Amino acid sequence: MTKKNYQHLSQSERHAIALGLQQKQSLSAIARALGRCKSTISRECEPVRNFVCEA
């Protein structure tokens, strides 16, 4: 069994995600632009969505 190498999102990637969301880009489009999985982008957006919903 091989171990997968996971890498945290960098600050610049997080900034790009925030910018993409402000521009109403889809999660798929943001993921494609960053070369990441859509699920990675989705997990990063989850806390933001919860915060906005609670406000």
N, C-alpha and C. Protein backbone atom coordinates (compact mmCIF):
# COMPACT_ATOMS: atom_id res chain seq x y z
N MET A 1 0.85 -1.17 0.00
CA MET A 1 0.00 0.00 0.00
C MET A 1 0.90 1.24 0.00
N THR A 2 0.59 2.19 -0.86
CA THR A 2 1.38 3.41 -0.92
C THR A 2 0.69 4.52 -0.14
N LYS A 3 1.50 5.32 0.50
CA LYS A 3 0.96 6.42 1.28
C LYS A 3 0.84 7.65 0.39
N LYS A 4 -0.33 8.30 0.44
CA LYS A 4 -0.53 9.51 -0.36
C LYS A 4 0.11 10.69 0.34
N ASN A 5 0.64 11.59 -0.45
CA ASN A 5 1.23 12.81 0.09
C ASN A 5 0.22 13.94 -0.03
N TYR A 6 -0.28 14.37 1.10
CA TYR A 6 -1.22 15.48 1.12
C TYR A 6 -0.46 16.76 1.43
N GLN A 7 -0.91 17.84 0.83
CA GLN A 7 -0.24 19.11 1.03
C GLN A 7 -1.29 20.16 1.39
N HIS A 8 -1.03 20.91 2.44
CA HIS A 8 -1.95 21.96 2.86
C HIS A 8 -2.05 23.05 1.79
N LEU A 9 -3.16 23.75 1.79
CA LEU A 9 -3.31 24.88 0.88
C LEU A 9 -2.41 26.02 1.35
N SER A 10 -1.81 26.68 0.40
CA SER A 10 -0.97 27.83 0.74
C SER A 10 -1.85 29.07 0.91
N GLN A 11 -1.28 30.10 1.48
CA GLN A 11 -2.02 31.36 1.64
C GLN A 11 -2.44 31.91 0.29
N SER A 12 -1.58 31.80 -0.72
CA SER A 12 -1.93 32.31 -2.04
C SER A 12 -3.08 31.52 -2.66
N GLU A 13 -3.12 30.20 -2.39
CA GLU A 13 -4.24 29.39 -2.88
C GLU A 13 -5.54 29.78 -2.17
N ARG A 14 -5.45 30.02 -0.88
CA ARG A 14 -6.64 30.45 -0.13
C ARG A 14 -7.14 31.80 -0.64
N HIS A 15 -6.21 32.68 -0.95
CA HIS A 15 -6.57 33.99 -1.51
C HIS A 15 -7.24 33.82 -2.86
N ALA A 16 -6.71 32.93 -3.69
CA ALA A 16 -7.29 32.67 -5.01
C ALA A 16 -8.70 32.08 -4.88
N ILE A 17 -8.92 31.24 -3.88
CA ILE A 17 -10.25 30.67 -3.65
C ILE A 17 -11.22 31.79 -3.26
N ALA A 18 -10.81 32.65 -2.34
CA ALA A 18 -11.67 33.76 -1.91
C ALA A 18 -12.00 34.68 -3.08
N LEU A 19 -11.01 34.96 -3.90
CA LEU A 19 -11.21 35.82 -5.06
C LEU A 19 -12.17 35.16 -6.05
N GLY A 20 -11.99 33.87 -6.28
CA GLY A 20 -12.87 33.14 -7.18
C GLY A 20 -14.31 33.13 -6.69
N LEU A 21 -14.50 32.97 -5.39
CA LEU A 21 -15.85 32.99 -4.82
C LEU A 21 -16.48 34.37 -4.96
N GLN A 22 -15.69 35.42 -4.77
CA GLN A 22 -16.20 36.78 -4.94
C GLN A 22 -16.64 37.03 -6.37
N GLN A 23 -15.94 36.40 -7.31
CA GLN A 23 -16.25 36.57 -8.73
C GLN A 23 -17.32 35.58 -9.19
N LYS A 24 -17.92 34.87 -8.24
CA LYS A 24 -19.01 33.92 -8.51
C LYS A 24 -18.58 32.76 -9.41
N GLN A 25 -17.30 32.37 -9.31
CA GLN A 25 -16.81 31.21 -10.06
C GLN A 25 -17.29 29.94 -9.36
N SER A 26 -17.47 28.89 -10.13
CA SER A 26 -17.87 27.61 -9.55
C SER A 26 -16.68 26.98 -8.83
N LEU A 27 -16.98 26.08 -7.91
CA LEU A 27 -15.91 25.37 -7.20
C LEU A 27 -15.07 24.57 -8.18
N SER A 28 -15.72 24.01 -9.20
CA SER A 28 -14.99 23.24 -10.21
C SER A 28 -14.00 24.12 -10.97
N ALA A 29 -14.42 25.32 -11.32
CA ALA A 29 -13.54 26.24 -12.06
C ALA A 29 -12.36 26.66 -11.19
N ILE A 30 -12.61 26.93 -9.93
CA ILE A 30 -11.53 27.32 -9.01
C ILE A 30 -10.56 26.15 -8.85
N ALA A 31 -11.09 24.95 -8.67
CA ALA A 31 -10.25 23.76 -8.50
C ALA A 31 -9.38 23.53 -9.73
N ARG A 32 -9.97 23.67 -10.89
CA ARG A 32 -9.23 23.47 -12.15
C ARG A 32 -8.09 24.48 -12.26
N ALA A 33 -8.37 25.74 -11.92
CA ALA A 33 -7.36 26.79 -12.02
C ALA A 33 -6.20 26.55 -11.06
N LEU A 34 -6.49 25.97 -9.90
CA LEU A 34 -5.45 25.73 -8.89
C LEU A 34 -4.80 24.36 -9.02
N GLY A 35 -5.38 23.49 -9.85
CA GLY A 35 -4.85 22.14 -9.97
C GLY A 35 -5.12 21.30 -8.74
N ARG A 36 -6.26 21.55 -8.10
CA ARG A 36 -6.67 20.83 -6.90
C ARG A 36 -7.99 20.11 -7.15
N CYS A 37 -8.33 19.19 -6.27
CA CYS A 37 -9.61 18.50 -6.36
C CYS A 37 -10.73 19.44 -5.92
N LYS A 38 -11.88 19.24 -6.53
CA LYS A 38 -13.06 20.04 -6.17
C LYS A 38 -13.40 19.88 -4.69
N SER A 39 -13.22 18.67 -4.16
CA SER A 39 -13.54 18.42 -2.75
C SER A 39 -12.63 19.22 -1.82
N THR A 40 -11.39 19.44 -2.22
CA THR A 40 -10.46 20.24 -1.42
C THR A 40 -10.97 21.67 -1.32
N ILE A 41 -11.41 22.21 -2.44
CA ILE A 41 -11.94 23.58 -2.47
C ILE A 41 -13.21 23.65 -1.63
N SER A 42 -14.05 22.64 -1.76
CA SER A 42 -15.31 22.59 -1.02
C SER A 42 -15.06 22.58 0.49
N ARG A 43 -14.11 21.77 0.93
CA ARG A 43 -13.80 21.70 2.37
C ARG A 43 -13.25 23.03 2.88
N GLU A 44 -12.49 23.71 2.05
CA GLU A 44 -11.94 25.00 2.44
C GLU A 44 -13.05 26.05 2.56
N CYS A 45 -14.09 25.93 1.76
CA CYS A 45 -15.19 26.90 1.77
C CYS A 45 -16.20 26.62 2.87
N GLU A 46 -16.24 25.43 3.38
CA GLU A 46 -17.24 25.04 4.39
C GLU A 46 -17.27 25.96 5.61
N PRO A 47 -16.15 26.25 6.27
CA PRO A 47 -16.20 27.15 7.44
C PRO A 47 -16.69 28.56 7.07
N VAL A 48 -16.35 29.00 5.88
CA VAL A 48 -16.77 30.33 5.43
C VAL A 48 -18.28 30.36 5.26
N ARG A 49 -18.85 29.35 4.66
CA ARG A 49 -20.30 29.28 4.47
C ARG A 49 -21.01 29.25 5.81
N ASN A 50 -20.52 28.47 6.75
CA ASN A 50 -21.14 28.39 8.07
C ASN A 50 -21.09 29.74 8.78
N PHE A 51 -19.98 30.43 8.66
CA PHE A 51 -19.83 31.74 9.30
C PHE A 51 -20.82 32.74 8.70
N VAL A 52 -20.94 32.75 7.38
CA VAL A 52 -21.84 33.67 6.70
C VAL A 52 -23.28 33.37 7.07
N CYS A 53 -23.63 32.09 7.17
CA CYS A 53 -25.00 31.71 7.51
C CYS A 53 -25.37 32.10 8.93
N GLU A 54 -24.40 32.11 9.83
CA GLU A 54 -24.67 32.43 11.23
C GLU A 54 -24.79 33.93 11.45
N ALA A 55 -24.23 34.73 10.57
CA ALA A 55 -24.22 36.19 10.75
C ALA A 55 -25.59 36.80 10.57
